[in-house]
């Protein structure tokens, strides 16, 4: 079933993207921590759990979108690493596959206007009201890995999306690799060559399923690498589909980054035709 994109979200994101089309598309990403620092600077002080910053500058507002695309690119990069480590290290193939999924969910959250400020334990939400950018700050508690999944799942565009579960149970892959003891399963280090990596990713992209698999780590077993990579790949594609639908047509900034030069040799972001999980967003 097609999902109609909220008109308010469309207006805000298209306003952000117009700001990004000034100058070279490769030079729009600000320095590290720019959005965090900008939001900390405008957040009203001593206002309790909830506060609103009025009239954010366009430069601050557009960083929600650059943060989203940057996080998605991180997800793509982590997926490539996961695929490359499939036989070299199942442990870290599963961890980087998990992070690919998480980065894609966090990218969607930023696109929806959410950003977590952990130093002050507040979640910022960007809105466009009467042509002006405002930002609400709420004192929502929880871990970063929980909050971003919650805000995406609560959004009407993704509430029924089976690729985004109610809870982020897949974090157990990260926890298992980081905190379990006695994991001496280290294969001989033989990195995949380029052709093998391309074949691996093509195989992942062509796996059809009616409902997404649930990656799990069994007691004393090895990580569920195949399922971790399958859902990560689908989430990488889902973000791309969502932003494509929002922008409708050519956009200099997104045209440059939707097919990253360092990834296009290995993946085309396509899925098997006729899959039942295809996301169809409309405007």
C-alpha atoms as a PDB file:
ATOM      1  CA  UNK A   1       0.000   0.000   0.000  1.00  0.00           C
ATOM      2  CA  UNK A   2       1.346   3.437  -0.931  1.00  0.00           C
ATOM      3  CA  UNK A   3       2.271   5.764   1.935  1.00  0.00           C
ATOM      4  CA  UNK A   4       1.464   9.436   1.373  1.00  0.00           C
ATOM      5  CA  UNK A   5       4.250  11.712   2.613  1.00  0.00           C
ATOM      6  CA  UNK A   6       3.092  14.323   5.103  1.00  0.00           C
ATOM      7  CA  UNK A   7       2.793  17.783   3.443  1.00  0.00           C
ATOM      8  CA  UNK A   8       4.447  19.565   6.404  1.00  0.00           C
ATOM      9  CA  UNK A   9       7.420  17.215   6.215  1.00  0.00           C
ATOM     10  CA  UNK A  10       7.649  17.765   2.464  1.00  0.00           C
ATOM     11  CA  UNK A  11       7.712  21.538   2.865  1.00  0.00           C
ATOM     12  CA  UNK A  12      10.369  21.428   5.560  1.00  0.00           C
ATOM     13  CA  UNK A  13      12.656  18.966   3.775  1.00  0.00           C
ATOM     14  CA  UNK A  14      12.339  20.684   0.416  1.00  0.00           C
ATOM     15  CA  UNK A  15      13.213  23.967   2.128  1.00  0.00           C
ATOM     16  CA  UNK A  16      16.299  22.286   3.630  1.00  0.00           C
ATOM     17  CA  UNK A  17      17.340  20.814   0.314  1.00  0.00           C
ATOM     18  CA  UNK A  18      16.985  24.138  -1.506  1.00  0.00           C
ATOM     19  CA  UNK A  19      19.480  25.579   0.966  1.00  0.00           C
ATOM     20  CA  UNK A  20      21.895  22.760   0.144  1.00  0.00           C
ATOM     21  CA  UNK A  21      21.830  23.439  -3.578  1.00  0.00           C
ATOM     22  CA  UNK A  22      23.905  26.584  -3.190  1.00  0.00           C
ATOM     23  CA  UNK A  23      27.565  25.862  -3.789  1.00  0.00           C
ATOM     24  CA  UNK A  24      29.328  22.590  -4.560  1.00  0.00           C
ATOM     25  CA  UNK A  25      27.395  19.468  -3.511  1.00  0.00           C
ATOM     26  CA  UNK A  26      30.565  17.816  -2.214  1.00  0.00           C
ATOM     27  CA  UNK A  27      31.375  20.701   0.150  1.00  0.00           C
ATOM     28  CA  UNK A  28      28.071  21.027   2.022  1.00  0.00           C
ATOM     29  CA  UNK A  29      28.889  18.798   4.990  1.00  0.00           C
ATOM     30  CA  UNK A  30      29.956  20.886   7.998  1.00  0.00           C
ATOM     31  CA  UNK A  31      32.674  20.025  10.499  1.00  0.00           C
ATOM     32  CA  UNK A  32      32.102  17.208  13.047  1.00  0.00           C
ATOM     33  CA  UNK A  33      29.688  18.057  15.914  1.00  0.00           C
ATOM     34  CA  UNK A  34      28.323  21.105  14.079  1.00  0.00           C
ATOM     35  CA  UNK A  35      24.655  20.254  14.615  1.00  0.00           C
ATOM     36  CA  UNK A  36      25.194  19.288  18.260  1.00  0.00           C
ATOM     37  CA  UNK A  37      27.008  22.541  18.969  1.00  0.00           C
ATOM     38  CA  UNK A  38      24.457  24.663  17.099  1.00  0.00           C
ATOM     39  CA  UNK A  39      21.522  23.120  18.994  1.00  0.00           C
ATOM     40  CA  UNK A  40      23.242  23.430  22.365  1.00  0.00           C
ATOM     41  CA  UNK A  41      23.825  27.104  21.597  1.00  0.00           C
ATOM     42  CA  UNK A  42      20.141  27.887  20.907  1.00  0.00           C
ATOM     43  CA  UNK A  43      18.468  25.658  23.493  1.00  0.00           C
ATOM     44  CA  UNK A  44      16.763  27.760  26.180  1.00  0.00           C
ATOM     45  CA  UNK A  45      18.530  27.311  29.508  1.00  0.00           C
ATOM     46  CA  UNK A  46      16.840  26.430  32.782  1.00  0.00           C
ATOM     47  CA  UNK A  47      13.476  25.729  31.180  1.00  0.00           C
ATOM     48  CA  UNK A  48      12.769  22.277  32.608  1.00  0.00           C
ATOM     49  CA  UNK A  49      12.018  19.191  30.542  1.00  0.00           C
ATOM     50  CA  UNK A  50      10.457  21.005  27.571  1.00  0.00           C
ATOM     51  CA  UNK A  51      11.585  24.122  25.726  1.00  0.00           C
ATOM     52  CA  UNK A  52      11.281  25.703  22.291  1.00  0.00           C
ATOM     53  CA  UNK A  53      13.903  27.610  20.346  1.00  0.00           C
ATOM     54  CA  UNK A  54      12.316  30.032  17.906  1.00  0.00           C
ATOM     55  CA  UNK A  55      13.612  31.082  14.521  1.00  0.00           C
ATOM     56  CA  UNK A  56      16.513  28.710  13.938  1.00  0.00           C
ATOM     57  CA  UNK A  57      18.840  29.922  11.242  1.00  0.00           C
ATOM     58  CA  UNK A  58      18.569  28.171   7.871  1.00  0.00           C
ATOM     59  CA  UNK A  59      22.179  27.060   8.333  1.00  0.00           C
ATOM     60  CA  UNK A  60      21.237  25.129  11.493  1.00  0.00           C
ATOM     61  CA  UNK A  61      18.034  23.737   9.978  1.00  0.00           C
ATOM     62  CA  UNK A  62      19.741  22.324   6.899  1.00  0.00           C
ATOM     63  CA  UNK A  63      22.168  20.390   9.098  1.00  0.00           C
ATOM     64  CA  UNK A  64      19.360  17.975  10.029  1.00  0.00           C
ATOM     65  CA  UNK A  65      19.314  16.918   6.363  1.00  0.00           C
ATOM     66  CA  UNK A  66      23.089  16.815   5.933  1.00  0.00           C
ATOM     67  CA  UNK A  67      23.285  14.786   9.173  1.00  0.00           C
ATOM     68  CA  UNK A  68      20.702  12.363   7.749  1.00  0.00           C
ATOM     69  CA  UNK A  69      22.567  11.836   4.480  1.00  0.00           C
ATOM     70  CA  UNK A  70      25.906  11.590   6.294  1.00  0.00           C
ATOM     71  CA  UNK A  71      24.450   8.928   8.609  1.00  0.00           C
ATOM     72  CA  UNK A  72      22.981   7.008   5.651  1.00  0.00           C
ATOM     73  CA  UNK A  73      26.373   7.061   3.906  1.00  0.00           C
ATOM     74  CA  UNK A  74      27.830   5.650   7.125  1.00  0.00           C
ATOM     75  CA  UNK A  75      25.200   2.895   6.894  1.00  0.00           C
ATOM     76  CA  UNK A  76      26.175   2.104   3.302  1.00  0.00           C
ATOM     77  CA  UNK A  77      29.856   2.005   4.268  1.00  0.00           C
ATOM     78  CA  UNK A  78      29.160  -0.275   7.252  1.00  0.00           C
ATOM     79  CA  UNK A  79      27.167  -2.611   5.016  1.00  0.00           C
ATOM     80  CA  UNK A  80      30.102  -2.910   2.599  1.00  0.00           C
ATOM     81  CA  UNK A  81      32.395  -3.703   5.537  1.00  0.00           C
ATOM     82  CA  UNK A  82      29.937  -6.314   6.818  1.00  0.00           C
ATOM     83  CA  UNK A  83      29.752  -8.012   3.426  1.00  0.00           C
ATOM     84  CA  UNK A  84      33.547  -7.942   3.086  1.00  0.00           C
ATOM     85  CA  UNK A  85      33.976  -9.551   6.532  1.00  0.00           C
ATOM     86  CA  UNK A  86      31.414 -12.326   5.979  1.00  0.00           C
ATOM     87  CA  UNK A  87      33.945 -15.162   5.939  1.00  0.00           C
ATOM     88  CA  UNK A  88      36.833 -13.312   7.572  1.00  0.00           C
ATOM     89  CA  UNK A  89      35.045 -12.632  10.864  1.00  0.00           C
ATOM     90  CA  UNK A  90      31.392 -13.590  11.452  1.00  0.00           C
ATOM     91  CA  UNK A  91      31.512 -11.648  14.734  1.00  0.00           C
ATOM     92  CA  UNK A  92      32.424  -8.316  13.173  1.00  0.00           C
ATOM     93  CA  UNK A  93      30.423  -8.969  10.019  1.00  0.00           C
ATOM     94  CA  UNK A  94      27.351  -9.129  12.260  1.00  0.00           C
ATOM     95  CA  UNK A  95      28.352  -6.069  14.307  1.00  0.00           C
ATOM     96  CA  UNK A  96      29.006  -3.881  11.257  1.00  0.00           C
ATOM     97  CA  UNK A  97      25.796  -5.218   9.690  1.00  0.00           C
ATOM     98  CA  UNK A  98      23.906  -4.223  12.825  1.00  0.00           C
ATOM     99  CA  UNK A  99      25.458  -0.751  12.741  1.00  0.00           C
ATOM    100  CA  UNK A 100      24.501  -0.396   9.087  1.00  0.00           C
ATOM    101  CA  UNK A 101      20.877  -0.947  10.102  1.00  0.00           C
ATOM    102  CA  UNK A 102      21.116   1.403  13.062  1.00  0.00           C
ATOM    103  CA  UNK A 103      22.752   4.171  11.038  1.00  0.00           C
ATOM    104  CA  UNK A 104      19.950   3.936   8.465  1.00  0.00           C
ATOM    105  CA  UNK A 105      17.283   4.210  11.177  1.00  0.00           C
ATOM    106  CA  UNK A 106      19.100   7.164  12.727  1.00  0.00           C
ATOM    107  CA  UNK A 107      19.348   8.743   9.248  1.00  0.00           C
ATOM    108  CA  UNK A 108      15.566   8.522   8.887  1.00  0.00           C
ATOM    109  CA  UNK A 109      15.137  10.070  12.362  1.00  0.00           C
ATOM    110  CA  UNK A 110      17.329  13.040  11.376  1.00  0.00           C
ATOM    111  CA  UNK A 111      15.378  13.390   8.136  1.00  0.00           C
ATOM    112  CA  UNK A 112      12.168  13.510  10.190  1.00  0.00           C
ATOM    113  CA  UNK A 113      13.734  16.309  12.239  1.00  0.00           C
ATOM    114  CA  UNK A 114      14.965  14.495  15.365  1.00  0.00           C
ATOM    115  CA  UNK A 115      18.401  14.780  16.969  1.00  0.00           C
ATOM    116  CA  UNK A 116      19.483  13.482  20.382  1.00  0.00           C
ATOM    117  CA  UNK A 117      21.621  15.719  22.615  1.00  0.00           C
ATOM    118  CA  UNK A 118      23.016  13.332  25.183  1.00  0.00           C
ATOM    119  CA  UNK A 119      25.163  15.801  27.078  1.00  0.00           C
ATOM    120  CA  UNK A 120      21.965  17.547  28.220  1.00  0.00           C
ATOM    121  CA  UNK A 121      19.658  14.509  27.895  1.00  0.00           C
ATOM    122  CA  UNK A 122      17.245  16.160  25.500  1.00  0.00           C
ATOM    123  CA  UNK A 123      15.812  15.257  22.101  1.00  0.00           C
ATOM    124  CA  UNK A 124      15.502  18.103  19.602  1.00  0.00           C
ATOM    125  CA  UNK A 125      12.760  18.150  16.964  1.00  0.00           C
ATOM    126  CA  UNK A 126      12.845  20.555  14.009  1.00  0.00           C
ATOM    127  CA  UNK A 127       9.582  21.954  12.602  1.00  0.00           C
ATOM    128  CA  UNK A 128       8.743  24.521   9.938  1.00  0.00           C
ATOM    129  CA  UNK A 129       5.986  26.882  11.107  1.00  0.00           C
ATOM    130  CA  UNK A 130       4.703  29.761   8.960  1.00  0.00           C
ATOM    131  CA  UNK A 131       7.918  29.652   6.948  1.00  0.00           C
ATOM    132  CA  UNK A 132      10.192  29.744   9.997  1.00  0.00           C
ATOM    133  CA  UNK A 133      12.316  26.961  11.460  1.00  0.00           C
ATOM    134  CA  UNK A 134      11.663  26.235  15.143  1.00  0.00           C
ATOM    135  CA  UNK A 135      13.066  23.510  17.381  1.00  0.00           C
ATOM    136  CA  UNK A 136      11.350  21.822  20.333  1.00  0.00           C
ATOM    137  CA  UNK A 137      13.497  20.216  23.039  1.00  0.00           C
ATOM    138  CA  UNK A 138      12.065  17.422  25.195  1.00  0.00           C
ATOM    139  CA  UNK A 139      13.656  15.544  28.079  1.00  0.00           C
ATOM    140  CA  UNK A 140      12.981  12.027  26.796  1.00  0.00           C
ATOM    141  CA  UNK A 141      15.006   9.384  28.632  1.00  0.00           C
ATOM    142  CA  UNK A 142      16.615   6.314  27.092  1.00  0.00           C
ATOM    143  CA  UNK A 143      19.664   5.115  25.204  1.00  0.00           C
ATOM    144  CA  UNK A 144      20.540   6.581  21.828  1.00  0.00           C
ATOM    145  CA  UNK A 145      20.002   3.201  20.189  1.00  0.00           C
ATOM    146  CA  UNK A 146      16.473   3.060  21.618  1.00  0.00           C
ATOM    147  CA  UNK A 147      15.338   6.635  21.069  1.00  0.00           C
ATOM    148  CA  UNK A 148      16.029   6.846  17.344  1.00  0.00           C
ATOM    149  CA  UNK A 149      14.221   3.566  16.661  1.00  0.00           C
ATOM    150  CA  UNK A 150      11.261   4.735  18.774  1.00  0.00           C
ATOM    151  CA  UNK A 151      10.806   8.069  17.009  1.00  0.00           C
ATOM    152  CA  UNK A 152      10.977   6.449  13.562  1.00  0.00           C
ATOM    153  CA  UNK A 153       8.528   3.687  14.506  1.00  0.00           C
ATOM    154  CA  UNK A 154       6.142   6.308  15.953  1.00  0.00           C
ATOM    155  CA  UNK A 155       6.103   8.278  12.699  1.00  0.00           C
ATOM    156  CA  UNK A 156       3.112   7.654  10.427  1.00  0.00           C
ATOM    157  CA  UNK A 157       5.362   6.977   7.425  1.00  0.00           C
ATOM    158  CA  UNK A 158       7.020   3.997   9.137  1.00  0.00           C
ATOM    159  CA  UNK A 159       4.550   2.856  11.823  1.00  0.00           C
ATOM    160  CA  UNK A 160       3.468  -0.168   9.760  1.00  0.00           C
ATOM    161  CA  UNK A 161       6.819  -0.765   8.059  1.00  0.00           C
ATOM    162  CA  UNK A 162       7.795  -4.355   8.855  1.00  0.00           C
ATOM    163  CA  UNK A 163      11.455  -3.538   8.291  1.00  0.00           C
ATOM    164  CA  UNK A 164      11.326  -1.334  11.381  1.00  0.00           C
ATOM    165  CA  UNK A 165      10.288  -3.394  14.434  1.00  0.00           C
ATOM    166  CA  UNK A 166       8.801  -1.970  17.602  1.00  0.00           C
ATOM    167  CA  UNK A 167      11.966  -2.642  19.592  1.00  0.00           C
ATOM    168  CA  UNK A 168      15.577  -2.786  18.473  1.00  0.00           C
ATOM    169  CA  UNK A 169      16.322  -6.372  19.506  1.00  0.00           C
ATOM    170  CA  UNK A 170      19.149  -6.566  16.962  1.00  0.00           C
ATOM    171  CA  UNK A 171      21.406  -4.651  19.340  1.00  0.00           C
ATOM    172  CA  UNK A 172      22.202  -8.046  20.876  1.00  0.00           C
ATOM    173  CA  UNK A 173      24.700  -8.620  18.042  1.00  0.00           C
ATOM    174  CA  UNK A 174      26.710  -5.628  19.191  1.00  0.00           C
ATOM    175  CA  UNK A 175      26.358  -6.590  22.857  1.00  0.00           C
ATOM    176  CA  UNK A 176      27.266 -10.220  22.176  1.00  0.00           C
ATOM    177  CA  UNK A 177      30.489  -9.283  20.389  1.00  0.00           C
ATOM    178  CA  UNK A 178      31.436  -6.615  22.928  1.00  0.00           C
ATOM    179  CA  UNK A 179      30.525  -8.244  26.231  1.00  0.00           C
ATOM    180  CA  UNK A 180      30.380 -12.036  25.855  1.00  0.00           C
ATOM    181  CA  UNK A 181      33.456 -13.943  26.968  1.00  0.00           C
ATOM    182  CA  UNK A 182      35.209 -16.836  25.246  1.00  0.00           C
ATOM    183  CA  UNK A 183      34.573 -16.180  21.572  1.00  0.00           C
ATOM    184  CA  UNK A 184      37.684 -17.766  20.038  1.00  0.00           C
ATOM    185  CA  UNK A 185      36.156 -18.383  16.604  1.00  0.00           C
ATOM    186  CA  UNK A 186      38.657 -16.651  14.406  1.00  0.00           C
ATOM    187  CA  UNK A 187      38.854 -17.905  10.814  1.00  0.00           C
ATOM    188  CA  UNK A 188      42.050 -17.591   8.840  1.00  0.00           C
ATOM    189  CA  UNK A 189      42.212 -14.001   7.620  1.00  0.00           C
ATOM    190  CA  UNK A 190      41.407 -14.101   3.903  1.00  0.00           C
ATOM    191  CA  UNK A 191      39.723 -10.859   2.796  1.00  0.00           C
ATOM    192  CA  UNK A 192      37.192 -11.071  -0.031  1.00  0.00           C
ATOM    193  CA  UNK A 193      38.409  -9.888  -3.399  1.00  0.00           C
ATOM    194  CA  UNK A 194      36.337  -7.383  -5.375  1.00  0.00           C
ATOM    195  CA  UNK A 195      34.494  -9.936  -7.476  1.00  0.00           C
ATOM    196  CA  UNK A 196      33.603 -12.095  -4.481  1.00  0.00           C
ATOM    197  CA  UNK A 197      32.323  -9.020  -2.640  1.00  0.00           C
ATOM    198  CA  UNK A 198      30.135  -8.036  -5.605  1.00  0.00           C
ATOM    199  CA  UNK A 199      28.736 -11.556  -5.815  1.00  0.00           C
ATOM    200  CA  UNK A 200      27.994 -11.547  -2.078  1.00  0.00           C
ATOM    201  CA  UNK A 201      26.102  -8.246  -2.227  1.00  0.00           C
ATOM    202  CA  UNK A 202      24.195  -9.297  -5.350  1.00  0.00           C
ATOM    203  CA  UNK A 203      23.101 -12.456  -3.546  1.00  0.00           C
ATOM    204  CA  UNK A 204      21.923 -10.411  -0.542  1.00  0.00           C
ATOM    205  CA  UNK A 205      19.958  -8.017  -2.770  1.00  0.00           C
ATOM    206  CA  UNK A 206      18.143 -10.879  -4.510  1.00  0.00           C
ATOM    207  CA  UNK A 207      16.860 -12.684  -1.422  1.00  0.00           C
ATOM    208  CA  UNK A 208      13.053 -12.298  -1.408  1.00  0.00           C
ATOM    209  CA  UNK A 209      10.974 -12.646   1.733  1.00  0.00           C
ATOM    210  CA  UNK A 210       7.373 -11.990   2.712  1.00  0.00           C
ATOM    211  CA  UNK A 211       8.325 -10.706   6.157  1.00  0.00           C
ATOM    212  CA  UNK A 212      11.758  -9.612   7.352  1.00  0.00           C
ATOM    213  CA  UNK A 213      13.829 -12.219   9.172  1.00  0.00           C
ATOM    214  CA  UNK A 214      14.661 -11.586  12.818  1.00  0.00           C
ATOM    215  CA  UNK A 215      18.423 -11.744  13.339  1.00  0.00           C
ATOM    216  CA  UNK A 216      19.275 -13.483  16.584  1.00  0.00           C
ATOM    217  CA  UNK A 217      22.284 -14.771  18.479  1.00  0.00           C
ATOM    218  CA  UNK A 218      21.760 -18.234  19.909  1.00  0.00           C
ATOM    219  CA  UNK A 219      23.416 -19.242  23.137  1.00  0.00           C
ATOM    220  CA  UNK A 220      26.852 -20.580  22.274  1.00  0.00           C
ATOM    221  CA  UNK A 221      26.182 -20.122  18.570  1.00  0.00           C
ATOM    222  CA  UNK A 222      27.589 -17.777  15.978  1.00  0.00           C
ATOM    223  CA  UNK A 223      26.010 -14.494  14.895  1.00  0.00           C
ATOM    224  CA  UNK A 224      23.169 -14.623  12.388  1.00  0.00           C
ATOM    225  CA  UNK A 225      25.219 -12.874   9.707  1.00  0.00           C
ATOM    226  CA  UNK A 226      22.961 -13.626   6.719  1.00  0.00           C
ATOM    227  CA  UNK A 227      19.820 -12.170   8.282  1.00  0.00           C
ATOM    228  CA  UNK A 228      21.681  -9.184   9.729  1.00  0.00           C
ATOM    229  CA  UNK A 229      22.977  -8.316   6.274  1.00  0.00           C
ATOM    230  CA  UNK A 230      19.645  -8.859   4.528  1.00  0.00           C
ATOM    231  CA  UNK A 231      17.705  -6.468   6.763  1.00  0.00           C
ATOM    232  CA  UNK A 232      20.578  -3.954   6.729  1.00  0.00           C
ATOM    233  CA  UNK A 233      20.574  -3.888   2.927  1.00  0.00           C
ATOM    234  CA  UNK A 234      16.809  -3.396   2.788  1.00  0.00           C
ATOM    235  CA  UNK A 235      17.010  -0.512   5.258  1.00  0.00           C
ATOM    236  CA  UNK A 236      19.775   1.118   3.214  1.00  0.00           C
ATOM    237  CA  UNK A 237      17.455   0.977   0.200  1.00  0.00           C
ATOM    238  CA  UNK A 238      14.428   2.159   2.210  1.00  0.00           C
ATOM    239  CA  UNK A 239      16.086   5.463   3.187  1.00  0.00           C
ATOM    240  CA  UNK A 240      17.087   6.029  -0.431  1.00  0.00           C
ATOM    241  CA  UNK A 241      13.533   5.388  -1.635  1.00  0.00           C
ATOM    242  CA  UNK A 242      12.104   7.766   0.966  1.00  0.00           C
ATOM    243  CA  UNK A 243      14.369  10.687   0.046  1.00  0.00           C
ATOM    244  CA  UNK A 244      13.880  10.000  -3.683  1.00  0.00           C
ATOM    245  CA  UNK A 245      10.109  10.305  -3.211  1.00  0.00           C
ATOM    246  CA  UNK A 246      10.435  13.512  -1.192  1.00  0.00           C
ATOM    247  CA  UNK A 247      12.633  15.263  -3.733  1.00  0.00           C
ATOM    248  CA  UNK A 248      10.818  14.048  -6.886  1.00  0.00           C
ATOM    249  CA  UNK A 249      13.196  14.635  -9.760  1.00  0.00           C
ATOM    250  CA  UNK A 250      16.727  15.924  -9.979  1.00  0.00           C
ATOM    251  CA  UNK A 251      18.457  17.594  -7.059  1.00  0.00           C
ATOM    252  CA  UNK A 252      22.118  18.466  -7.225  1.00  0.00           C
ATOM    253  CA  UNK A 253      22.922  17.640  -3.605  1.00  0.00           C
ATOM    254  CA  UNK A 254      21.133  14.259  -3.501  1.00  0.00           C
ATOM    255  CA  UNK A 255      22.161  13.333  -7.059  1.00  0.00           C
ATOM    256  CA  UNK A 256      25.802  13.437  -5.946  1.00  0.00           C
ATOM    257  CA  UNK A 257      25.354  11.434  -2.751  1.00  0.00           C
ATOM    258  CA  UNK A 258      22.653   8.839  -3.556  1.00  0.00           C
ATOM    259  CA  UNK A 259      25.212   6.794  -5.517  1.00  0.00           C
ATOM    260  CA  UNK A 260      28.441   7.197  -3.533  1.00  0.00           C
ATOM    261  CA  UNK A 261      31.444   6.758  -5.789  1.00  0.00           C
ATOM    262  CA  UNK A 262      33.174   4.394  -3.345  1.00  0.00           C
ATOM    263  CA  UNK A 263      30.156   2.039  -3.261  1.00  0.00           C
ATOM    264  CA  UNK A 264      28.753   2.002  -6.776  1.00  0.00           C
ATOM    265  CA  UNK A 265      31.333  -0.544  -7.973  1.00  0.00           C
ATOM    266  CA  UNK A 266      29.880  -3.076  -5.538  1.00  0.00           C
ATOM    267  CA  UNK A 267      26.162  -2.324  -5.214  1.00  0.00           C
ATOM    268  CA  UNK A 268      23.341  -0.794  -7.240  1.00  0.00           C
ATOM    269  CA  UNK A 269      20.803  -0.406  -4.384  1.00  0.00           C
ATOM    270  CA  UNK A 270      18.316  -2.615  -6.222  1.00  0.00           C
ATOM    271  CA  UNK A 271      16.082  -5.356  -4.834  1.00  0.00           C
ATOM    272  CA  UNK A 272      14.534  -8.421  -6.394  1.00  0.00           C
ATOM    273  CA  UNK A 273      11.499  -7.486  -8.511  1.00  0.00           C
ATOM    274  CA  UNK A 274       8.085  -8.271  -7.126  1.00  0.00           C
ATOM    275  CA  UNK A 275       9.196  -8.427  -3.492  1.00  0.00           C
ATOM    276  CA  UNK A 276       6.311  -7.874  -1.103  1.00  0.00           C
ATOM    277  CA  UNK A 277       8.256  -5.500   1.099  1.00  0.00           C
ATOM    278  CA  UNK A 278       8.734  -2.843  -1.555  1.00  0.00           C
ATOM    279  CA  UNK A 279       8.203   0.599  -0.062  1.00  0.00           C
ATOM    280  CA  UNK A 280       6.042   2.928  -2.113  1.00  0.00           C
ATOM    281  CA  UNK A 281       5.972   6.514  -0.941  1.00  0.00           C
ATOM    282  CA  UNK A 282       3.814   9.074  -2.749  1.00  0.00           C
ATOM    283  CA  UNK A 283       3.512  12.851  -2.574  1.00  0.00           C
END
